[in-house]
PDB file of all heavy atoms in Angstrom:
ATOM      1  N   ALA A   1       0.845  -1.174   0.033  1.00  0.00           N
ATOM      2  CA  ALA A   1      -0.058  -0.008  -0.010  1.00  0.00           C
ATOM      3  C   ALA A   1       0.871   1.286   0.054  1.00  0.00           C
ATOM      4  O   ALA A   1       0.514   2.210  -0.703  1.00  0.00           O
ATOM      5  CB  ALA A   1      -0.939  -0.003   1.191  1.00  0.00           C
ATOM      6  N   LEU A   2       1.985   1.324   0.820  1.00  0.00           N
ATOM      7  CA  LEU A   2       2.822   2.504   0.847  1.00  0.00           C
ATOM      8  C   LEU A   2       3.734   2.561  -0.314  1.00  0.00           C
ATOM      9  O   LEU A   2       3.672   3.755  -0.971  1.00  0.00           O
ATOM     10  CB  LEU A   2       3.615   2.418   2.102  1.00  0.00           C
ATOM     11  CG  LEU A   2       2.770   2.476   3.558  1.00  0.00           C
ATOM     12  CD1 LEU A   2       3.646   2.432   4.703  1.00  0.00           C
ATOM     13  CD2 LEU A   2       2.156   4.025   3.550  1.00  0.00           C
ATOM     14  N   LEU A   3       4.392   1.736  -0.771  1.00  0.00           N
ATOM     15  CA  LEU A   3       5.313   1.822  -1.848  1.00  0.00           C
ATOM     16  C   LEU A   3       4.516   2.055  -3.131  1.00  0.00           C
ATOM     17  O   LEU A   3       4.789   2.932  -3.864  1.00  0.00           O
ATOM     18  CB  LEU A   3       6.181   0.512  -2.052  1.00  0.00           C
ATOM     19  CG  LEU A   3       7.246   0.264  -1.037  1.00  0.00           C
ATOM     20  CD1 LEU A   3       7.931  -1.016  -1.383  1.00  0.00           C
ATOM     21  CD2 LEU A   3       8.224   1.501  -1.038  1.00  0.00           C
ATOM     22  N   GLY A   4       3.466   1.308  -3.335  1.00  0.00           N
ATOM     23  CA  GLY A   4       2.607   1.448  -4.453  1.00  0.00           C
ATOM     24  C   GLY A   4       1.866   2.811  -4.386  1.00  0.00           C
ATOM     25  O   GLY A   4       1.713   3.444  -5.410  1.00  0.00           O
ATOM     26  N   GLY A   5       1.481   3.305  -3.287  1.00  0.00           N
ATOM     27  CA  GLY A   5       0.750   4.452  -3.171  1.00  0.00           C
ATOM     28  C   GLY A   5       1.729   5.796  -3.495  1.00  0.00           C
ATOM     29  O   GLY A   5       1.157   6.620  -4.192  1.00  0.00           O
ATOM     30  N   PHE A   6       2.886   5.752  -2.997  1.00  0.00           N
ATOM     31  CA  PHE A   6       3.832   6.834  -3.297  1.00  0.00           C
ATOM     32  C   PHE A   6       4.186   6.913  -4.750  1.00  0.00           C
ATOM     33  O   PHE A   6       4.269   7.934  -5.395  1.00  0.00           O
ATOM     34  CB  PHE A   6       4.959   6.754  -2.288  1.00  0.00           C
ATOM     35  CG  PHE A   6       4.709   7.215  -0.964  1.00  0.00           C
ATOM     36  CD1 PHE A   6       4.927   6.389   0.156  1.00  0.00           C
ATOM     37  CD2 PHE A   6       4.315   8.590  -0.759  1.00  0.00           C
ATOM     38  CE1 PHE A   6       4.538   6.795   1.341  1.00  0.00           C
ATOM     39  CE2 PHE A   6       4.065   9.007   0.640  1.00  0.00           C
ATOM     40  CZ  PHE A   6       4.235   8.185   1.660  1.00  0.00           C
ATOM     41  N   ALA A   7       4.462   5.603  -5.299  1.00  0.00           N
ATOM     42  CA  ALA A   7       4.841   5.567  -6.671  1.00  0.00           C
ATOM     43  C   ALA A   7       3.743   5.992  -7.619  1.00  0.00           C
ATOM     44  O   ALA A   7       3.989   6.667  -8.559  1.00  0.00           O
ATOM     45  CB  ALA A   7       5.335   4.126  -6.989  1.00  0.00           C
ATOM     46  N   THR A   8       2.531   5.492  -7.225  1.00  0.00           N
ATOM     47  CA  THR A   8       1.384   5.977  -8.097  1.00  0.00           C
ATOM     48  C   THR A   8       1.051   7.456  -7.934  1.00  0.00           C
ATOM     49  O   THR A   8       0.769   8.056  -9.016  1.00  0.00           O
ATOM     50  CB  THR A   8       0.075   5.167  -7.500  1.00  0.00           C
ATOM     51  OG1 THR A   8       0.292   3.844  -7.705  1.00  0.00           O
ATOM     52  CG2 THR A   8      -1.125   5.584  -8.414  1.00  0.00           C
ATOM     53  N   LEU A   9       1.376   7.984  -6.727  1.00  0.00           N
ATOM     54  CA  LEU A   9       1.103   9.443  -6.593  1.00  0.00           C
ATOM     55  C   LEU A   9       2.051  10.322  -7.498  1.00  0.00           C
ATOM     56  O   LEU A   9       1.769  11.082  -8.299  1.00  0.00           O
ATOM     57  CB  LEU A   9       1.473   9.872  -5.161  1.00  0.00           C
ATOM     58  CG  LEU A   9       0.323   9.921  -4.176  1.00  0.00           C
ATOM     59  CD1 LEU A   9       0.849  10.467  -2.841  1.00  0.00           C
ATOM     60  CD2 LEU A   9      -0.880  10.815  -4.612  1.00  0.00           C
ATOM     61  N   MET A  10       3.352   9.717  -7.603  1.00  0.00           N
ATOM     62  CA  MET A  10       4.290  10.543  -8.319  1.00  0.00           C
ATOM     63  C   MET A  10       4.153  10.373  -9.924  1.00  0.00           C
ATOM     64  O   MET A  10       4.010  11.368 -10.625  1.00  0.00           O
ATOM     65  CB  MET A  10       5.749   9.995  -7.994  1.00  0.00           C
ATOM     66  CG  MET A  10       6.186  10.369  -6.643  1.00  0.00           C
ATOM     67  SD  MET A  10       6.234  12.196  -6.341  1.00  0.00           S
ATOM     68  CE  MET A  10       7.336  12.865  -7.728  1.00  0.00           C
ATOM     69  N   ILE A  11       3.734   9.118 -10.313  1.00  0.00           N
ATOM     70  CA  ILE A  11       3.498   8.872 -11.690  1.00  0.00           C
ATOM     71  C   ILE A  11       2.328   9.659 -12.168  1.00  0.00           C
ATOM     72  O   ILE A  11       2.382  10.175 -13.269  1.00  0.00           O
ATOM     73  CB  ILE A  11       3.574   7.420 -11.907  1.00  0.00           C
ATOM     74  CG1 ILE A  11       5.038   6.848 -11.760  1.00  0.00           C
ATOM     75  CG2 ILE A  11       3.137   7.071 -13.427  1.00  0.00           C
ATOM     76  CD1 ILE A  11       5.079   5.262 -11.786  1.00  0.00           C
ATOM     77  N   SER A  12       1.295   9.340 -11.436  1.00  0.00           N
ATOM     78  CA  SER A  12      -0.006   9.829 -11.806  1.00  0.00           C
ATOM     79  C   SER A  12      -0.092  11.481 -11.767  1.00  0.00           C
ATOM     80  O   SER A  12      -0.724  12.137 -12.675  1.00  0.00           O
ATOM     81  CB  SER A  12      -1.234   9.190 -11.114  1.00  0.00           C
ATOM     82  OG  SER A  12      -1.147   7.828 -11.266  1.00  0.00           O
ATOM     83  N   SER A  13       0.475  11.916 -10.845  1.00  0.00           N
ATOM     84  CA  SER A  13       0.556  13.447 -10.634  1.00  0.00           C
ATOM     85  C   SER A  13       1.247  14.080 -11.854  1.00  0.00           C
ATOM     86  O   SER A  13       0.998  15.142 -12.257  1.00  0.00           O
ATOM     87  CB  SER A  13       1.100  13.868  -9.310  1.00  0.00           C
ATOM     88  OG  SER A  13       2.407  13.458  -9.063  1.00  0.00           O
ATOM     89  N   MET A  14       2.531  13.463 -12.103  1.00  0.00           N
ATOM     90  CA  MET A  14       3.300  14.026 -13.155  1.00  0.00           C
ATOM     91  C   MET A  14       2.358  13.949 -14.579  1.00  0.00           C
ATOM     92  O   MET A  14       2.427  14.904 -15.369  1.00  0.00           O
ATOM     93  CB  MET A  14       4.612  13.186 -13.455  1.00  0.00           C
ATOM     94  CG  MET A  14       5.603  13.647 -12.229  1.00  0.00           C
ATOM     95  SD  MET A  14       7.277  12.941 -12.653  1.00  0.00           S
ATOM     96  CE  MET A  14       6.834  11.175 -12.290  1.00  0.00           C
ATOM     97  N   ALA A  15       1.769  12.841 -14.686  1.00  0.00           N
ATOM     98  CA  ALA A  15       0.898  12.665 -15.963  1.00  0.00           C
ATOM     99  C   ALA A  15      -0.139  13.754 -15.918  1.00  0.00           C
ATOM    100  O   ALA A  15      -0.405  14.345 -17.060  1.00  0.00           O
ATOM    101  CB  ALA A  15       0.431  11.223 -16.008  1.00  0.00           C
ATOM    102  N   GLY A  16      -0.939  13.815 -14.911  1.00  0.00           N
ATOM    103  CA  GLY A  16      -1.883  14.939 -14.809  1.00  0.00           C
ATOM    104  C   GLY A  16      -1.453  16.256 -15.043  1.00  0.00           C
ATOM    105  O   GLY A  16      -2.055  17.069 -15.796  1.00  0.00           O
ATOM    106  N   TYR A  17      -0.336  16.531 -14.524  1.00  0.00           N
ATOM    107  CA  TYR A  17       0.287  17.928 -14.590  1.00  0.00           C
ATOM    108  C   TYR A  17       0.697  18.219 -16.010  1.00  0.00           C
ATOM    109  O   TYR A  17       0.429  19.090 -16.662  1.00  0.00           O
ATOM    110  CB  TYR A  17       1.569  17.955 -13.761  1.00  0.00           C
ATOM    111  CG  TYR A  17       2.217  19.310 -13.861  1.00  0.00           C
ATOM    112  CD1 TYR A  17       1.922  20.421 -13.092  1.00  0.00           C
ATOM    113  CD2 TYR A  17       3.398  19.366 -14.646  1.00  0.00           C
ATOM    114  CE1 TYR A  17       2.658  21.604 -13.319  1.00  0.00           C
ATOM    115  CE2 TYR A  17       4.143  20.497 -14.888  1.00  0.00           C
ATOM    116  CZ  TYR A  17       3.777  21.624 -13.971  1.00  0.00           C
ATOM    117  OH  TYR A  17       4.494  22.865 -14.133  1.00  0.00           O
ATOM    118  N   GLY A  18       1.240  17.148 -16.668  1.00  0.00           N
ATOM    119  CA  GLY A  18       1.704  17.231 -18.103  1.00  0.00           C
ATOM    120  C   GLY A  18       0.570  17.406 -19.028  1.00  0.00           C
ATOM    121  O   GLY A  18       0.485  18.204 -19.987  1.00  0.00           O
ATOM    122  N   PHE A  19      -0.559  16.665 -18.809  1.00  0.00           N
ATOM    123  CA  PHE A  19      -1.785  16.680 -19.710  1.00  0.00           C
ATOM    124  C   PHE A  19      -2.450  18.068 -19.691  1.00  0.00           C
ATOM    125  O   PHE A  19      -2.971  18.558 -20.676  1.00  0.00           O
ATOM    126  CB  PHE A  19      -2.818  15.701 -19.240  1.00  0.00           C
ATOM    127  CG  PHE A  19      -2.680  14.332 -19.896  1.00  0.00           C
ATOM    128  CD1 PHE A  19      -2.438  13.192 -19.119  1.00  0.00           C
ATOM    129  CD2 PHE A  19      -2.422  14.121 -21.292  1.00  0.00           C
ATOM    130  CE1 PHE A  19      -2.264  11.956 -19.602  1.00  0.00           C
ATOM    131  CE2 PHE A  19      -2.384  12.979 -21.872  1.00  0.00           C
ATOM    132  CZ  PHE A  19      -2.214  11.865 -21.042  1.00  0.00           C
ATOM    133  N   GLU A  20      -2.290  18.750 -18.471  1.00  0.00           N
ATOM    134  CA  GLU A  20      -2.899  20.076 -18.346  1.00  0.00           C
ATOM    135  C   GLU A  20      -2.021  21.202 -18.729  1.00  0.00           C
ATOM    136  O   GLU A  20      -2.440  22.197 -19.373  1.00  0.00           O
ATOM    137  CB  GLU A  20      -3.310  20.271 -16.878  1.00  0.00           C
ATOM    138  CG  GLU A  20      -3.950  21.711 -16.647  1.00  0.00           C
ATOM    139  CD  GLU A  20      -5.280  21.773 -17.408  1.00  0.00           C
ATOM    140  OE1 GLU A  20      -6.009  20.839 -17.818  1.00  0.00           O
ATOM    141  OE2 GLU A  20      -5.616  23.007 -17.845  1.00  0.00           O
ATOM    142  N   VAL A  21      -0.653  21.118 -18.555  1.00  0.00           N
ATOM    143  CA  VAL A  21       0.249  22.266 -18.682  1.00  0.00           C
ATOM    144  C   VAL A  21       0.635  22.281 -20.095  1.00  0.00           C
ATOM    145  O   VAL A  21       0.944  23.330 -20.745  1.00  0.00           O
ATOM    146  CB  VAL A  21       1.455  22.109 -17.708  1.00  0.00           C
ATOM    147  CG1 VAL A  21       2.496  23.142 -18.126  1.00  0.00           C
ATOM    148  CG2 VAL A  21       0.854  22.353 -16.234  1.00  0.00           C
ATOM    149  N   PHE A  22       1.040  21.099 -20.721  1.00  0.00           N
ATOM    150  CA  PHE A  22       1.745  21.031 -22.010  1.00  0.00           C
ATOM    151  C   PHE A  22       0.740  20.741 -23.105  1.00  0.00           C
ATOM    152  O   PHE A  22      -0.239  19.756 -23.106  1.00  0.00           O
ATOM    153  CB  PHE A  22       2.893  19.919 -22.086  1.00  0.00           C
ATOM    154  CG  PHE A  22       3.916  20.100 -21.052  1.00  0.00           C
ATOM    155  CD1 PHE A  22       3.917  19.345 -20.020  1.00  0.00           C
ATOM    156  CD2 PHE A  22       4.657  21.294 -21.145  1.00  0.00           C
ATOM    157  CE1 PHE A  22       4.910  19.451 -18.969  1.00  0.00           C
ATOM    158  CE2 PHE A  22       5.702  21.441 -20.248  1.00  0.00           C
ATOM    159  CZ  PHE A  22       5.850  20.571 -19.167  1.00  0.00           C
ATOM    160  N   SER A  23       0.758  21.490 -24.156  1.00  0.00           N
ATOM    161  CA  SER A  23      -0.203  21.444 -25.219  1.00  0.00           C
ATOM    162  C   SER A  23       0.455  20.719 -26.435  1.00  0.00           C
ATOM    163  O   SER A  23       1.630  20.992 -26.714  1.00  0.00           O
ATOM    164  CB  SER A  23      -0.793  22.668 -25.732  1.00  0.00           C
ATOM    165  OG  SER A  23      -1.315  23.558 -24.692  1.00  0.00           O
ATOM    166  N   SER A  24      -0.349  19.967 -27.147  1.00  0.00           N
ATOM    167  CA  SER A  24       0.072  19.186 -28.321  1.00  0.00           C
ATOM    168  C   SER A  24      -1.246  18.795 -29.067  1.00  0.00           C
ATOM    169  O   SER A  24      -2.292  18.730 -28.538  1.00  0.00           O
ATOM    170  CB  SER A  24       0.918  18.037 -28.065  1.00  0.00           C
ATOM    171  OG  SER A  24       0.187  16.993 -27.439  1.00  0.00           O
ATOM    172  N   LYS A  25      -1.063  18.423 -30.393  1.00  0.00           N
ATOM    173  CA  LYS A  25      -2.142  18.007 -31.272  1.00  0.00           C
ATOM    174  C   LYS A  25      -2.766  16.812 -30.679  1.00  0.00           C
ATOM    175  O   LYS A  25      -3.939  16.548 -30.827  1.00  0.00           O
ATOM    176  CB  LYS A  25      -1.761  17.928 -32.674  1.00  0.00           C
ATOM    177  CG  LYS A  25      -1.246  19.230 -33.431  1.00  0.00           C
ATOM    178  CD  LYS A  25      -0.867  19.115 -34.767  1.00  0.00           C
ATOM    179  CE  LYS A  25      -0.514  20.380 -35.440  1.00  0.00           C
ATOM    180  NZ  LYS A  25      -0.077  20.144 -36.810  1.00  0.00           N
ATOM    181  N   ALA A  26      -1.992  15.816 -30.275  1.00  0.00           N
ATOM    182  CA  ALA A  26      -2.349  14.585 -29.766  1.00  0.00           C
ATOM    183  C   ALA A  26      -2.749  14.446 -28.350  1.00  0.00           C
ATOM    184  O   ALA A  26      -3.080  13.450 -27.927  1.00  0.00           O
ATOM    185  CB  ALA A  26      -1.307  13.502 -30.161  1.00  0.00           C
ATOM    186  N   ARG A  27      -2.717  15.565 -27.621  1.00  0.00           N
ATOM    187  CA  ARG A  27      -2.765  15.499 -26.183  1.00  0.00           C
ATOM    188  C   ARG A  27      -4.070  15.009 -25.779  1.00  0.00           C
ATOM    189  O   ARG A  27      -4.362  13.990 -24.971  1.00  0.00           O
ATOM    190  CB  ARG A  27      -2.592  16.814 -25.609  1.00  0.00           C
ATOM    191  CG  ARG A  27      -2.819  16.917 -24.010  1.00  0.00           C
ATOM    192  CD  ARG A  27      -2.594  18.307 -23.446  1.00  0.00           C
ATOM    193  NE  ARG A  27      -3.813  19.028 -23.816  1.00  0.00           N
ATOM    194  CZ  ARG A  27      -3.910  20.387 -23.336  1.00  0.00           C
ATOM    195  NH1 ARG A  27      -3.119  20.809 -22.475  1.00  0.00           N
ATOM    196  NH2 ARG A  27      -4.904  21.088 -23.696  1.00  0.00           N
ATOM    197  N   GLU A  28      -5.212  15.532 -26.384  1.00  0.00           N
ATOM    198  CA  GLU A  28      -6.594  15.169 -26.006  1.00  0.00           C
ATOM    199  C   GLU A  28      -6.963  13.802 -26.479  1.00  0.00           C
ATOM    200  O   GLU A  28      -7.826  13.104 -25.801  1.00  0.00           O
ATOM    201  CB  GLU A  28      -7.507  16.175 -26.550  1.00  0.00           C
ATOM    202  CG  GLU A  28      -7.378  17.673 -26.005  1.00  0.00           C
ATOM    203  CD  GLU A  28      -7.630  17.622 -24.344  1.00  0.00           C
ATOM    204  OE1 GLU A  28      -8.513  16.744 -23.934  1.00  0.00           O
ATOM    205  OE2 GLU A  28      -6.765  18.266 -23.802  1.00  0.00           O
ATOM    206  N   ARG A  29      -6.382  13.298 -27.570  1.00  0.00           N
ATOM    207  CA  ARG A  29      -6.641  11.954 -28.081  1.00  0.00           C
ATOM    208  C   ARG A  29      -6.108  10.904 -27.161  1.00  0.00           C
ATOM    209  O   ARG A  29      -6.738   9.956 -26.820  1.00  0.00           O
ATOM    210  CB  ARG A  29      -6.038  11.917 -29.457  1.00  0.00           C
ATOM    211  CG  ARG A  29      -6.654  12.662 -30.598  1.00  0.00           C
ATOM    212  CD  ARG A  29      -5.966  12.469 -31.891  1.00  0.00           C
ATOM    213  NE  ARG A  29      -6.523  13.319 -32.819  1.00  0.00           N
ATOM    214  CZ  ARG A  29      -6.030  13.433 -34.118  1.00  0.00           C
ATOM    215  NH1 ARG A  29      -4.999  12.818 -34.419  1.00  0.00           N
ATOM    216  NH2 ARG A  29      -6.606  14.430 -34.937  1.00  0.00           N
ATOM    217  N   VAL A  30      -4.762  11.270 -26.707  1.00  0.00           N
ATOM    218  CA  VAL A  30      -4.082  10.397 -25.836  1.00  0.00           C
ATOM    219  C   VAL A  30      -4.851  10.235 -24.378  1.00  0.00           C
ATOM    220  O   VAL A  30      -5.165   9.326 -23.798  1.00  0.00           O
ATOM    221  CB  VAL A  30      -2.592  10.867 -25.498  1.00  0.00           C
ATOM    222  CG1 VAL A  30      -2.044   9.951 -24.447  1.00  0.00           C
ATOM    223  CG2 VAL A  30      -1.945  10.528 -26.797  1.00  0.00           C
ATOM    224  N   TYR A  31      -5.312  11.358 -23.992  1.00  0.00           N
ATOM    225  CA  TYR A  31      -5.979  11.585 -22.704  1.00  0.00           C
ATOM    226  C   TYR A  31      -7.393  10.919 -22.826  1.00  0.00           C
ATOM    227  O   TYR A  31      -7.757  10.174 -21.798  1.00  0.00           O
ATOM    228  CB  TYR A  31      -6.201  13.126 -22.347  1.00  0.00           C
ATOM    229  CG  TYR A  31      -6.811  13.329 -21.123  1.00  0.00           C
ATOM    230  CD1 TYR A  31      -6.117  13.046 -19.871  1.00  0.00           C
ATOM    231  CD2 TYR A  31      -8.166  13.941 -20.991  1.00  0.00           C
ATOM    232  CE1 TYR A  31      -6.820  13.166 -18.632  1.00  0.00           C
ATOM    233  CE2 TYR A  31      -8.742  14.130 -19.817  1.00  0.00           C
ATOM    234  CZ  TYR A  31      -8.128  13.831 -18.598  1.00  0.00           C
ATOM    235  OH  TYR A  31      -8.589  14.080 -17.423  1.00  0.00           O
ATOM    236  N   ASN A  32      -8.078  11.100 -23.831  1.00  0.00           N
ATOM    237  CA  ASN A  32      -9.344  10.335 -24.047  1.00  0.00           C
ATOM    238  C   ASN A  32      -9.189   8.865 -24.178  1.00  0.00           C
ATOM    239  O   ASN A  32     -10.053   8.201 -23.507  1.00  0.00           O
ATOM    240  CB  ASN A  32     -10.051  11.027 -25.238  1.00  0.00           C
ATOM    241  CG  ASN A  32     -10.532  12.337 -25.098  1.00  0.00           C
ATOM    242  OD1 ASN A  32     -10.761  12.860 -23.984  1.00  0.00           O
ATOM    243  ND2 ASN A  32     -10.689  13.102 -26.235  1.00  0.00           N
ATOM    244  N   GLY A  33      -8.089   8.431 -24.806  1.00  0.00           N
ATOM    245  CA  GLY A  33      -7.793   7.072 -24.734  1.00  0.00           C
ATOM    246  C   GLY A  33      -7.516   6.440 -23.491  1.00  0.00           C
ATOM    247  O   GLY A  33      -8.032   5.414 -23.167  1.00  0.00           O
TER     248      GLY A  33
END
């Protein structure tokens, strides 16, 4: 729970931050997928 929790936090928060902050043509397609 702890190792998986902290690793999931870092990976998923970086992904969420990237999807919102960085723009690209394929961003919304990848996000919707």
